[in-house]
């Protein structure tokens, strides 16, 4: 096996292990609490998650758009291009 393949597998295993630990912690903490949330709380949580995802996806779309259209290229003055 190539070294790159082994490294990729190792990174994937480490990241999946961290995800498993995080999910286990979340479920354990959720089950230990006695807190109740009203309908208004669920609505606020849902809207917060929705708009956070919307803003995140919008910013990523703008980043890819500007990268592909050349807006991220280094600015050049007339002096740098040899026109003056």
C-alpha atoms as a PDB file:
ATOM      1  CA  UNK A   1       0.000   0.000   0.000  1.00  0.00           C
ATOM      2  CA  UNK A   2       1.127   3.522  -0.688  1.00  0.00           C
ATOM      3  CA  UNK A   3       2.046   5.806   2.158  1.00  0.00           C
ATOM      4  CA  UNK A   4      -0.643   8.301   1.106  1.00  0.00           C
ATOM      5  CA  UNK A   5      -3.341   5.621   1.351  1.00  0.00           C
ATOM      6  CA  UNK A   6      -2.232   4.644   4.846  1.00  0.00           C
ATOM      7  CA  UNK A   7      -2.208   8.290   5.915  1.00  0.00           C
ATOM      8  CA  UNK A   8      -5.691   8.824   4.492  1.00  0.00           C
ATOM      9  CA  UNK A   9      -7.025   5.759   6.301  1.00  0.00           C
ATOM     10  CA  UNK A  10      -5.389   6.878   9.558  1.00  0.00           C
ATOM     11  CA  UNK A  11      -6.881  10.376   9.306  1.00  0.00           C
ATOM     12  CA  UNK A  12     -10.327   8.938   8.509  1.00  0.00           C
ATOM     13  CA  UNK A  13     -10.175   6.584  11.512  1.00  0.00           C
ATOM     14  CA  UNK A  14      -9.101   9.406  13.846  1.00  0.00           C
ATOM     15  CA  UNK A  15     -11.848  11.740  12.595  1.00  0.00           C
ATOM     16  CA  UNK A  16     -14.513   9.038  12.850  1.00  0.00           C
ATOM     17  CA  UNK A  17     -13.337   8.252  16.383  1.00  0.00           C
ATOM     18  CA  UNK A  18     -13.647  11.918  17.358  1.00  0.00           C
ATOM     19  CA  UNK A  19     -17.131  12.013  15.836  1.00  0.00           C
ATOM     20  CA  UNK A  20     -18.136   8.913  17.797  1.00  0.00           C
ATOM     21  CA  UNK A  21     -16.868  10.430  21.055  1.00  0.00           C
ATOM     22  CA  UNK A  22     -18.722  13.692  20.358  1.00  0.00           C
ATOM     23  CA  UNK A  23     -21.987  11.902  19.541  1.00  0.00           C
ATOM     24  CA  UNK A  24     -21.633   9.687  22.625  1.00  0.00           C
ATOM     25  CA  UNK A  25     -21.069  12.773  24.817  1.00  0.00           C
ATOM     26  CA  UNK A  26     -24.076  14.514  23.257  1.00  0.00           C
ATOM     27  CA  UNK A  27     -26.425  11.569  23.786  1.00  0.00           C
ATOM     28  CA  UNK A  28     -25.187  10.975  27.333  1.00  0.00           C
ATOM     29  CA  UNK A  29     -25.594  14.639  28.275  1.00  0.00           C
ATOM     30  CA  UNK A  30     -29.028  14.828  26.640  1.00  0.00           C
ATOM     31  CA  UNK A  31     -30.281  11.804  28.601  1.00  0.00           C
ATOM     32  CA  UNK A  32     -29.034  13.118  31.960  1.00  0.00           C
ATOM     33  CA  UNK A  33     -30.922  16.405  31.808  1.00  0.00           C
ATOM     34  CA  UNK A  34     -34.477  16.971  32.987  1.00  0.00           C
ATOM     35  CA  UNK A  35     -34.940  20.230  31.106  1.00  0.00           C
ATOM     36  CA  UNK A  36     -38.074  20.651  29.041  1.00  0.00           C
ATOM     37  CA  UNK A  37     -38.383  22.970  26.071  1.00  0.00           C
ATOM     38  CA  UNK A  38     -41.609  24.672  25.039  1.00  0.00           C
ATOM     39  CA  UNK A  39     -42.949  24.915  21.508  1.00  0.00           C
ATOM     40  CA  UNK A  40     -41.517  28.426  21.273  1.00  0.00           C
ATOM     41  CA  UNK A  41     -38.085  27.079  22.202  1.00  0.00           C
ATOM     42  CA  UNK A  42     -38.250  24.439  19.480  1.00  0.00           C
ATOM     43  CA  UNK A  43     -39.333  27.049  16.942  1.00  0.00           C
ATOM     44  CA  UNK A  44     -36.460  29.358  17.959  1.00  0.00           C
ATOM     45  CA  UNK A  45     -33.962  26.480  17.811  1.00  0.00           C
ATOM     46  CA  UNK A  46     -35.205  25.386  14.380  1.00  0.00           C
ATOM     47  CA  UNK A  47     -35.084  28.911  12.970  1.00  0.00           C
ATOM     48  CA  UNK A  48     -31.614  29.461  14.413  1.00  0.00           C
ATOM     49  CA  UNK A  49     -30.268  26.270  12.857  1.00  0.00           C
ATOM     50  CA  UNK A  50     -31.985  26.995   9.536  1.00  0.00           C
ATOM     51  CA  UNK A  51     -30.658  30.541   9.224  1.00  0.00           C
ATOM     52  CA  UNK A  52     -27.175  29.526  10.384  1.00  0.00           C
ATOM     53  CA  UNK A  53     -27.051  26.897   7.643  1.00  0.00           C
ATOM     54  CA  UNK A  54     -28.464  29.385   5.139  1.00  0.00           C
ATOM     55  CA  UNK A  55     -25.815  31.996   5.949  1.00  0.00           C
ATOM     56  CA  UNK A  56     -23.023  29.383   5.933  1.00  0.00           C
ATOM     57  CA  UNK A  57     -24.075  27.939   2.581  1.00  0.00           C
ATOM     58  CA  UNK A  58     -24.500  31.421   1.126  1.00  0.00           C
ATOM     59  CA  UNK A  59     -21.020  32.469   2.201  1.00  0.00           C
ATOM     60  CA  UNK A  60     -19.513  29.285   0.775  1.00  0.00           C
ATOM     61  CA  UNK A  61     -21.355  29.852  -2.496  1.00  0.00           C
ATOM     62  CA  UNK A  62     -20.007  33.415  -2.661  1.00  0.00           C
ATOM     63  CA  UNK A  63     -16.502  32.152  -1.942  1.00  0.00           C
ATOM     64  CA  UNK A  64     -16.634  29.631  -4.799  1.00  0.00           C
ATOM     65  CA  UNK A  65     -18.257  32.177  -7.116  1.00  0.00           C
ATOM     66  CA  UNK A  66     -15.577  34.787  -6.489  1.00  0.00           C
ATOM     67  CA  UNK A  67     -12.820  32.213  -6.849  1.00  0.00           C
ATOM     68  CA  UNK A  68     -14.067  30.969 -10.207  1.00  0.00           C
ATOM     69  CA  UNK A  69     -14.757  34.442 -11.605  1.00  0.00           C
ATOM     70  CA  UNK A  70     -11.254  35.663 -10.832  1.00  0.00           C
ATOM     71  CA  UNK A  71     -12.194  38.144  -8.127  1.00  0.00           C
ATOM     72  CA  UNK A  72      -9.589  36.585  -5.831  1.00  0.00           C
ATOM     73  CA  UNK A  73      -6.683  37.250  -8.183  1.00  0.00           C
ATOM     74  CA  UNK A  74      -3.938  39.607  -7.108  1.00  0.00           C
ATOM     75  CA  UNK A  75      -4.596  43.204  -8.074  1.00  0.00           C
ATOM     76  CA  UNK A  76      -2.118  44.765 -10.498  1.00  0.00           C
ATOM     77  CA  UNK A  77      -1.493  48.420 -11.117  1.00  0.00           C
ATOM     78  CA  UNK A  78      -0.501  49.928 -14.480  1.00  0.00           C
ATOM     79  CA  UNK A  79       3.093  50.123 -13.225  1.00  0.00           C
ATOM     80  CA  UNK A  80       3.146  46.364 -12.446  1.00  0.00           C
ATOM     81  CA  UNK A  81       1.896  45.516 -15.931  1.00  0.00           C
ATOM     82  CA  UNK A  82       4.504  47.695 -17.620  1.00  0.00           C
ATOM     83  CA  UNK A  83       1.968  50.031 -19.233  1.00  0.00           C
ATOM     84  CA  UNK A  84       3.327  53.227 -17.756  1.00  0.00           C
END
